Amino acid sequence: MRHNHFTAWALLKSSLFISTNLPKASEEAREILKNHVIIKINQDPNFGESIVPFCRGNGQPDYVSNATHPTQYWSDNSSYGVVFMLLNTLDIPQKLFFNLTGSWSIRAGRLYNVSTSLLLNDAGPEPSALGLPCCGIYWQYTWPDGAYYSS
């Protein structure tokens, strides 16, 4: 059993049926199956929906199905934070990177803590800069009344 397969099944909210002889399973397989973070996201009582694509990668437009270049970047909210899953869909090692604001689960003007390799937790508003109430990247501003400015 590979860790990335189990993680993908769990984050896609698939039923977690295990057809492994546990007493004979390797220690690695048992550790994967006991990953409490992955299991609690799969069993989340408040967010029952699967994570969804937010960026295709490999130069593909977002939200477009393409068998040659499957979606590599997935995200959504959970009771435990914003969940991210990155998949290397090529047969060679590659560096995967993205802009956090590409996911609709990330709110501009907020700080986030990384609690695991999968979860980002809201850590409150960004510190005030230049007297502005809240500042995000790319010169985006959100005022307390909800007004939004971007340049």
N, C-alpha and C. Protein backbone atom coordinates (compact mmCIF):
# COMPACT_ATOMS: atom_id res chain seq x y z
N MET A 1 0.85 -1.18 0.00
CA MET A 1 0.00 0.00 0.00
C MET A 1 0.89 1.23 0.00
N ARG A 2 0.56 2.17 -0.81
CA ARG A 2 1.32 3.41 -0.91
C ARG A 2 0.57 4.52 -0.17
N HIS A 3 1.33 5.36 0.54
CA HIS A 3 0.76 6.45 1.32
C HIS A 3 -0.06 7.39 0.45
N ASN A 4 0.44 7.73 -0.76
CA ASN A 4 -0.28 8.68 -1.60
C ASN A 4 -1.62 8.12 -2.08
N HIS A 5 -1.72 6.81 -2.30
CA HIS A 5 -3.00 6.24 -2.71
C HIS A 5 -4.03 6.33 -1.59
N PHE A 6 -3.62 5.97 -0.39
CA PHE A 6 -4.53 6.03 0.76
C PHE A 6 -4.97 7.47 1.00
N THR A 7 -4.04 8.41 0.93
CA THR A 7 -4.37 9.82 1.14
C THR A 7 -5.38 10.29 0.10
N ALA A 8 -5.16 9.98 -1.16
CA ALA A 8 -6.10 10.40 -2.21
C ALA A 8 -7.48 9.80 -1.97
N TRP A 9 -7.57 8.52 -1.66
CA TRP A 9 -8.87 7.90 -1.39
C TRP A 9 -9.57 8.60 -0.24
N ALA A 10 -8.82 8.87 0.82
CA ALA A 10 -9.42 9.48 2.01
C ALA A 10 -9.89 10.91 1.74
N LEU A 11 -9.06 11.71 1.09
CA LEU A 11 -9.41 13.11 0.85
C LEU A 11 -10.51 13.27 -0.19
N LEU A 12 -10.67 12.29 -1.05
CA LEU A 12 -11.77 12.30 -2.01
C LEU A 12 -13.05 11.74 -1.39
N LYS A 13 -13.00 11.48 -0.09
CA LYS A 13 -14.12 11.01 0.72
C LYS A 13 -14.66 9.67 0.25
N SER A 14 -13.76 8.84 -0.27
CA SER A 14 -14.15 7.48 -0.63
C SER A 14 -14.33 6.66 0.64
N SER A 15 -15.14 5.63 0.55
CA SER A 15 -15.26 4.71 1.68
C SER A 15 -13.92 4.01 1.87
N LEU A 16 -13.49 3.89 3.10
CA LEU A 16 -12.18 3.30 3.38
C LEU A 16 -12.33 1.83 3.74
N PHE A 17 -12.46 1.01 2.71
CA PHE A 17 -12.51 -0.44 2.90
C PHE A 17 -11.08 -0.96 2.80
N ILE A 18 -10.67 -1.73 3.77
CA ILE A 18 -9.31 -2.26 3.78
C ILE A 18 -9.39 -3.76 3.57
N SER A 19 -8.76 -4.24 2.51
CA SER A 19 -8.74 -5.68 2.24
C SER A 19 -7.33 -6.21 2.41
N THR A 20 -6.76 -5.93 3.57
CA THR A 20 -5.40 -6.34 3.88
C THR A 20 -5.42 -7.23 5.10
N ASN A 21 -4.63 -8.26 5.09
CA ASN A 21 -4.45 -9.10 6.27
C ASN A 21 -3.59 -8.30 7.24
N LEU A 22 -4.20 -7.62 8.20
CA LEU A 22 -3.47 -6.71 9.08
C LEU A 22 -2.34 -7.37 9.87
N PRO A 23 -2.53 -8.58 10.40
CA PRO A 23 -1.39 -9.20 11.12
C PRO A 23 -0.18 -9.44 10.21
N LYS A 24 -0.42 -9.60 8.92
CA LYS A 24 0.70 -9.86 7.99
C LYS A 24 1.14 -8.62 7.22
N ALA A 25 0.46 -7.51 7.46
CA ALA A 25 0.79 -6.26 6.75
C ALA A 25 2.14 -5.73 7.24
N SER A 26 2.83 -5.04 6.36
CA SER A 26 4.11 -4.44 6.74
C SER A 26 3.87 -3.33 7.76
N GLU A 27 4.91 -2.97 8.48
CA GLU A 27 4.81 -1.87 9.43
C GLU A 27 4.45 -0.57 8.71
N GLU A 28 5.01 -0.37 7.51
CA GLU A 28 4.68 0.83 6.73
C GLU A 28 3.19 0.88 6.41
N ALA A 29 2.62 -0.24 5.99
CA ALA A 29 1.19 -0.28 5.66
C ALA A 29 0.35 0.00 6.89
N ARG A 30 0.72 -0.54 8.04
CA ARG A 30 -0.04 -0.29 9.27
C ARG A 30 0.03 1.19 9.68
N GLU A 31 1.20 1.79 9.52
CA GLU A 31 1.34 3.21 9.85
C GLU A 31 0.48 4.08 8.93
N ILE A 32 0.42 3.75 7.67
CA ILE A 32 -0.42 4.49 6.72
C ILE A 32 -1.88 4.37 7.13
N LEU A 33 -2.32 3.18 7.46
CA LEU A 33 -3.72 2.95 7.82
C LEU A 33 -4.09 3.59 9.16
N LYS A 34 -3.12 3.89 9.99
CA LYS A 34 -3.38 4.51 11.30
C LYS A 34 -3.19 6.01 11.28
N ASN A 35 -3.02 6.62 10.11
CA ASN A 35 -2.80 8.06 10.03
C ASN A 35 -4.07 8.80 10.45
N HIS A 36 -4.09 9.26 11.71
CA HIS A 36 -5.30 9.86 12.26
C HIS A 36 -5.70 11.15 11.57
N VAL A 37 -4.75 11.91 11.02
CA VAL A 37 -5.10 13.16 10.35
C VAL A 37 -5.88 12.87 9.07
N ILE A 38 -5.40 11.93 8.28
CA ILE A 38 -6.08 11.57 7.03
C ILE A 38 -7.47 11.00 7.33
N ILE A 39 -7.55 10.13 8.32
CA ILE A 39 -8.83 9.50 8.65
C ILE A 39 -9.84 10.52 9.18
N LYS A 40 -9.39 11.46 10.02
CA LYS A 40 -10.35 12.43 10.55
C LYS A 40 -10.87 13.36 9.45
N ILE A 41 -10.05 13.66 8.44
CA ILE A 41 -10.55 14.47 7.32
C ILE A 41 -11.57 13.66 6.52
N ASN A 42 -11.28 12.38 6.30
CA ASN A 42 -12.22 11.52 5.58
C ASN A 42 -13.55 11.40 6.32
N GLN A 43 -13.49 11.35 7.64
CA GLN A 43 -14.69 11.15 8.46
C GLN A 43 -15.25 12.47 9.00
N ASP A 44 -14.85 13.59 8.47
CA ASP A 44 -15.25 14.92 8.95
C ASP A 44 -16.76 15.02 9.09
N PRO A 45 -17.27 15.31 10.30
CA PRO A 45 -18.72 15.36 10.48
C PRO A 45 -19.38 16.60 9.88
N ASN A 46 -18.61 17.64 9.55
CA ASN A 46 -19.19 18.88 9.06
C ASN A 46 -18.97 19.12 7.57
N PHE A 47 -17.95 18.53 7.00
CA PHE A 47 -17.64 18.71 5.58
C PHE A 47 -17.58 17.33 4.93
N GLY A 48 -18.69 16.89 4.36
CA GLY A 48 -18.75 15.57 3.77
C GLY A 48 -18.37 15.52 2.30
N GLU A 49 -18.10 16.68 1.71
CA GLU A 49 -17.78 16.74 0.29
C GLU A 49 -16.30 16.44 0.06
N SER A 50 -15.99 15.94 -1.08
CA SER A 50 -14.62 15.66 -1.49
C SER A 50 -13.85 16.96 -1.72
N ILE A 51 -12.52 16.89 -1.60
CA ILE A 51 -11.72 18.01 -2.06
C ILE A 51 -11.90 18.10 -3.57
N VAL A 52 -11.64 19.28 -4.13
CA VAL A 52 -11.90 19.50 -5.55
C VAL A 52 -10.70 20.18 -6.20
N PRO A 53 -10.56 20.05 -7.52
CA PRO A 53 -9.44 20.70 -8.21
C PRO A 53 -9.53 22.21 -8.12
N PHE A 54 -8.38 22.86 -7.96
CA PHE A 54 -8.37 24.32 -8.04
C PHE A 54 -7.36 24.81 -9.05
N CYS A 55 -6.48 23.95 -9.50
CA CYS A 55 -5.50 24.33 -10.52
C CYS A 55 -5.05 23.06 -11.21
N ARG A 56 -5.04 23.08 -12.51
CA ARG A 56 -4.70 21.86 -13.24
C ARG A 56 -3.21 21.58 -13.25
N GLY A 57 -2.37 22.56 -13.45
CA GLY A 57 -0.94 22.32 -13.58
C GLY A 57 -0.57 21.94 -15.00
N ASN A 58 0.69 21.75 -15.26
CA ASN A 58 1.19 21.37 -16.59
C ASN A 58 0.68 22.27 -17.70
N GLY A 59 0.39 23.53 -17.37
CA GLY A 59 -0.04 24.47 -18.39
C GLY A 59 -1.48 24.31 -18.84
N GLN A 60 -2.25 23.46 -18.17
CA GLN A 60 -3.64 23.25 -18.55
C GLN A 60 -4.53 24.28 -17.89
N PRO A 61 -5.61 24.69 -18.56
CA PRO A 61 -6.54 25.62 -17.92
C PRO A 61 -7.24 24.94 -16.74
N ASP A 62 -7.62 25.74 -15.76
CA ASP A 62 -8.31 25.20 -14.58
C ASP A 62 -9.63 24.57 -14.97
N TYR A 63 -10.04 23.57 -14.22
CA TYR A 63 -11.34 22.92 -14.32
C TYR A 63 -11.58 22.23 -15.66
N VAL A 64 -10.53 21.85 -16.36
CA VAL A 64 -10.68 21.18 -17.65
C VAL A 64 -10.18 19.75 -17.49
N SER A 65 -11.02 18.80 -17.87
CA SER A 65 -10.63 17.39 -17.78
C SER A 65 -9.70 17.05 -18.94
N ASN A 66 -8.60 16.41 -18.63
CA ASN A 66 -7.63 16.06 -19.64
C ASN A 66 -6.92 14.79 -19.19
N ALA A 67 -7.12 13.68 -19.89
CA ALA A 67 -6.53 12.40 -19.49
C ALA A 67 -5.01 12.42 -19.57
N THR A 68 -4.45 13.24 -20.44
CA THR A 68 -2.99 13.31 -20.58
C THR A 68 -2.35 14.01 -19.39
N HIS A 69 -3.00 15.03 -18.88
CA HIS A 69 -2.49 15.80 -17.74
C HIS A 69 -3.58 15.91 -16.67
N PRO A 70 -3.78 14.86 -15.86
CA PRO A 70 -4.82 14.93 -14.82
C PRO A 70 -4.53 16.05 -13.83
N THR A 71 -5.56 16.45 -13.13
CA THR A 71 -5.44 17.54 -12.17
C THR A 71 -4.40 17.21 -11.11
N GLN A 72 -3.55 18.19 -10.81
CA GLN A 72 -2.49 18.00 -9.83
C GLN A 72 -2.75 18.72 -8.52
N TYR A 73 -3.60 19.74 -8.50
CA TYR A 73 -3.77 20.58 -7.32
C TYR A 73 -5.22 20.52 -6.85
N TRP A 74 -5.43 20.08 -5.62
CA TRP A 74 -6.76 19.89 -5.05
C TRP A 74 -6.83 20.60 -3.71
N SER A 75 -8.02 21.09 -3.35
CA SER A 75 -8.16 21.79 -2.08
C SER A 75 -9.63 21.89 -1.70
N ASP A 76 -9.88 22.13 -0.42
CA ASP A 76 -11.20 22.49 0.08
C ASP A 76 -11.11 22.70 1.58
N ASN A 77 -12.21 23.12 2.16
CA ASN A 77 -12.27 23.33 3.60
C ASN A 77 -12.57 22.02 4.31
N SER A 78 -12.17 21.97 5.57
CA SER A 78 -12.54 20.88 6.46
C SER A 78 -12.74 21.49 7.84
N SER A 79 -13.24 20.71 8.76
CA SER A 79 -13.40 21.19 10.13
C SER A 79 -12.05 21.45 10.79
N TYR A 80 -10.99 20.97 10.19
CA TYR A 80 -9.66 21.01 10.80
C TYR A 80 -8.73 22.00 10.11
N GLY A 81 -9.19 22.67 9.09
CA GLY A 81 -8.39 23.63 8.34
C GLY A 81 -8.61 23.47 6.86
N VAL A 82 -7.86 24.22 6.08
CA VAL A 82 -7.93 24.11 4.62
C VAL A 82 -7.04 22.94 4.20
N VAL A 83 -7.60 22.03 3.43
CA VAL A 83 -6.90 20.82 3.01
C VAL A 83 -6.33 21.03 1.61
N PHE A 84 -5.08 20.60 1.41
CA PHE A 84 -4.45 20.63 0.10
C PHE A 84 -3.92 19.25 -0.24
N MET A 85 -4.04 18.87 -1.50
CA MET A 85 -3.43 17.63 -1.99
C MET A 85 -2.78 17.96 -3.33
N LEU A 86 -1.50 17.66 -3.45
CA LEU A 86 -0.77 17.85 -4.70
C LEU A 86 -0.37 16.48 -5.22
N LEU A 87 -0.64 16.22 -6.49
CA LEU A 87 -0.34 14.93 -7.10
C LEU A 87 0.64 15.11 -8.25
N ASN A 88 1.71 14.37 -8.20
CA ASN A 88 2.62 14.32 -9.34
C ASN A 88 2.05 13.30 -10.31
N THR A 89 1.50 13.75 -11.42
CA THR A 89 0.84 12.86 -12.38
C THR A 89 1.77 12.41 -13.50
N LEU A 90 3.02 12.82 -13.41
CA LEU A 90 4.00 12.42 -14.42
C LEU A 90 4.82 11.24 -13.92
N ASP A 91 5.52 10.58 -14.81
CA ASP A 91 6.34 9.44 -14.44
C ASP A 91 7.75 9.84 -14.03
N ILE A 92 7.97 11.12 -13.82
CA ILE A 92 9.28 11.61 -13.41
C ILE A 92 9.12 12.52 -12.20
N PRO A 93 10.14 12.62 -11.35
CA PRO A 93 10.03 13.57 -10.23
C PRO A 93 9.89 14.99 -10.76
N GLN A 94 9.12 15.80 -10.05
CA GLN A 94 8.95 17.19 -10.42
C GLN A 94 8.65 18.02 -9.19
N LYS A 95 8.95 19.30 -9.27
CA LYS A 95 8.60 20.23 -8.21
C LYS A 95 7.21 20.75 -8.50
N LEU A 96 6.34 20.67 -7.50
CA LEU A 96 4.99 21.19 -7.63
C LEU A 96 4.87 22.44 -6.78
N PHE A 97 4.35 23.49 -7.33
CA PHE A 97 4.17 24.73 -6.59
C PHE A 97 2.95 25.45 -7.13
N PHE A 98 2.37 26.30 -6.30
CA PHE A 98 1.17 27.03 -6.68
C PHE A 98 1.06 28.25 -5.80
N ASN A 99 0.19 29.16 -6.20
CA ASN A 99 -0.12 30.35 -5.43
C ASN A 99 -1.27 29.99 -4.49
N LEU A 100 -1.10 30.18 -3.19
CA LEU A 100 -2.16 29.83 -2.23
C LEU A 100 -3.48 30.49 -2.57
N THR A 101 -3.45 31.69 -3.10
CA THR A 101 -4.70 32.38 -3.41
C THR A 101 -5.42 31.77 -4.60
N GLY A 102 -4.82 30.77 -5.24
CA GLY A 102 -5.50 30.06 -6.31
C GLY A 102 -6.63 29.20 -5.79
N SER A 103 -6.60 28.85 -4.52
CA SER A 103 -7.66 28.05 -3.91
C SER A 103 -8.69 28.98 -3.29
N TRP A 104 -9.97 28.74 -3.58
CA TRP A 104 -11.04 29.55 -3.02
C TRP A 104 -11.17 29.35 -1.52
N SER A 105 -10.50 28.35 -0.96
CA SER A 105 -10.57 28.09 0.47
C SER A 105 -9.69 29.04 1.28
N ILE A 106 -8.74 29.68 0.61
CA ILE A 106 -7.85 30.63 1.27
C ILE A 106 -8.49 32.01 1.21
N ARG A 107 -8.59 32.66 2.34
CA ARG A 107 -9.22 33.98 2.40
C ARG A 107 -8.13 35.06 2.42
N ALA A 108 -8.27 36.04 1.55
CA ALA A 108 -7.33 37.16 1.51
C ALA A 108 -7.36 37.89 2.84
N GLY A 109 -6.22 38.38 3.25
CA GLY A 109 -6.14 39.15 4.47
C GLY A 109 -6.07 38.32 5.73
N ARG A 110 -5.81 37.02 5.60
CA ARG A 110 -5.72 36.14 6.77
C ARG A 110 -4.33 35.51 6.81
N LEU A 111 -3.87 35.21 8.00
CA LEU A 111 -2.64 34.45 8.19
C LEU A 111 -3.02 32.99 8.36
N TYR A 112 -2.14 32.09 7.96
CA TYR A 112 -2.41 30.66 8.10
C TYR A 112 -1.19 29.97 8.70
N ASN A 113 -1.46 29.02 9.60
CA ASN A 113 -0.42 28.16 10.14
C ASN A 113 -0.52 26.81 9.45
N VAL A 114 0.61 26.19 9.18
CA VAL A 114 0.62 24.85 8.63
C VAL A 114 0.65 23.89 9.81
N SER A 115 -0.45 23.11 9.99
CA SER A 115 -0.50 22.20 11.13
C SER A 115 0.00 20.82 10.77
N THR A 116 -0.15 20.41 9.52
CA THR A 116 0.45 19.17 9.01
C THR A 116 0.84 19.47 7.57
N SER A 117 1.34 18.48 6.90
CA SER A 117 1.70 18.69 5.49
C SER A 117 0.47 18.88 4.62
N LEU A 118 -0.72 18.65 5.17
CA LEU A 118 -1.96 18.76 4.41
C LEU A 118 -2.82 19.96 4.77
N LEU A 119 -2.71 20.45 6.00
CA LEU A 119 -3.68 21.41 6.52
C LEU A 119 -3.08 22.77 6.79
N LEU A 120 -3.83 23.80 6.42
CA LEU A 120 -3.51 25.17 6.81
C LEU A 120 -4.63 25.64 7.72
N ASN A 121 -4.28 26.21 8.87
CA ASN A 121 -5.27 26.69 9.82
C ASN A 121 -5.26 28.20 9.88
N ASP A 122 -6.45 28.80 9.86
CA ASP A 122 -6.59 30.25 9.95
C ASP A 122 -5.99 30.72 11.26
N ALA A 123 -5.03 31.65 11.18
CA ALA A 123 -4.34 32.17 12.36
C ALA A 123 -4.73 33.61 12.65
N GLY A 124 -5.81 34.10 12.05
CA GLY A 124 -6.28 35.44 12.32
C GLY A 124 -5.92 36.41 11.21
N PRO A 125 -6.30 37.67 11.40
CA PRO A 125 -6.04 38.66 10.36
C PRO A 125 -4.56 38.99 10.24
N GLU A 126 -4.17 39.43 9.04
CA GLU A 126 -2.80 39.88 8.84
C GLU A 126 -2.57 41.12 9.69
N PRO A 127 -1.33 41.37 10.09
CA PRO A 127 -1.05 42.61 10.82
C PRO A 127 -1.34 43.82 9.93
N SER A 128 -1.79 44.89 10.54
CA SER A 128 -2.06 46.11 9.78
C SER A 128 -0.77 46.62 9.16
N ALA A 129 -0.87 47.03 7.91
CA ALA A 129 0.28 47.59 7.21
C ALA A 129 -0.10 48.97 6.70
N LEU A 130 0.69 49.94 7.01
CA LEU A 130 0.45 51.30 6.55
C LEU A 130 -0.91 51.82 6.97
N GLY A 131 -1.42 51.36 8.10
CA GLY A 131 -2.69 51.82 8.60
C GLY A 131 -3.90 51.19 7.92
N LEU A 132 -3.68 50.26 6.99
CA LEU A 132 -4.80 49.61 6.33
C LEU A 132 -5.30 48.48 7.20
N PRO A 133 -6.60 48.23 7.23
CA PRO A 133 -7.14 47.21 8.11
C PRO A 133 -6.67 45.80 7.77
N CYS A 134 -6.43 45.53 6.49
CA CYS A 134 -6.11 44.16 6.10
C CYS A 134 -5.48 44.18 4.72
N CYS A 135 -4.47 43.41 4.54
CA CYS A 135 -3.78 43.44 3.26
C CYS A 135 -3.48 42.03 2.81
N GLY A 136 -3.77 41.69 1.55
CA GLY A 136 -3.43 40.40 0.97
C GLY A 136 -2.38 40.60 -0.10
N ILE A 137 -1.99 39.53 -0.76
CA ILE A 137 -0.97 39.65 -1.79
C ILE A 137 -1.57 40.25 -3.05
N TYR A 138 -0.73 40.67 -3.95
CA TYR A 138 -1.13 41.29 -5.21
C TYR A 138 -1.90 42.58 -5.01
N TRP A 139 -1.61 43.32 -4.00
CA TRP A 139 -2.24 44.60 -3.76
C TRP A 139 -3.75 44.50 -3.64
N GLN A 140 -4.21 43.52 -2.92
CA GLN A 140 -5.64 43.37 -2.65
C GLN A 140 -5.91 43.86 -1.23
N TYR A 141 -6.98 44.62 -1.06
CA TYR A 141 -7.35 45.11 0.26
C TYR A 141 -8.81 44.80 0.53
N THR A 142 -9.08 44.36 1.73
CA THR A 142 -10.46 44.14 2.16
C THR A 142 -10.69 45.01 3.38
N TRP A 143 -11.67 45.90 3.29
CA TRP A 143 -11.99 46.79 4.39
C TRP A 143 -12.97 46.10 5.32
N PRO A 144 -13.07 46.53 6.57
CA PRO A 144 -13.98 45.88 7.53
C PRO A 144 -15.43 45.81 7.07
N ASP A 145 -15.86 46.76 6.21
CA ASP A 145 -17.24 46.74 5.74
C ASP A 145 -17.43 45.79 4.55
N GLY A 146 -16.34 45.07 4.16
CA GLY A 146 -16.44 44.11 3.06
C GLY A 146 -16.04 44.67 1.72
N ALA A 147 -15.78 45.98 1.62
CA ALA A 147 -15.36 46.58 0.35
C ALA A 147 -14.01 45.98 -0.05
N TYR A 148 -13.80 45.79 -1.33
CA TYR A 148 -12.62 45.12 -1.86
C TYR A 148 -11.95 46.00 -2.90
N TYR A 149 -10.65 46.08 -2.84
CA TYR A 149 -9.89 46.85 -3.83
C TYR A 149 -8.72 46.00 -4.31
N SER A 150 -8.46 45.99 -5.60
CA SER A 150 -7.35 45.24 -6.17
C SER A 150 -6.73 46.08 -7.28
N SER A 151 -5.39 46.10 -7.33
CA SER A 151 -4.74 46.81 -8.43
C SER A 151 -3.64 45.98 -9.02
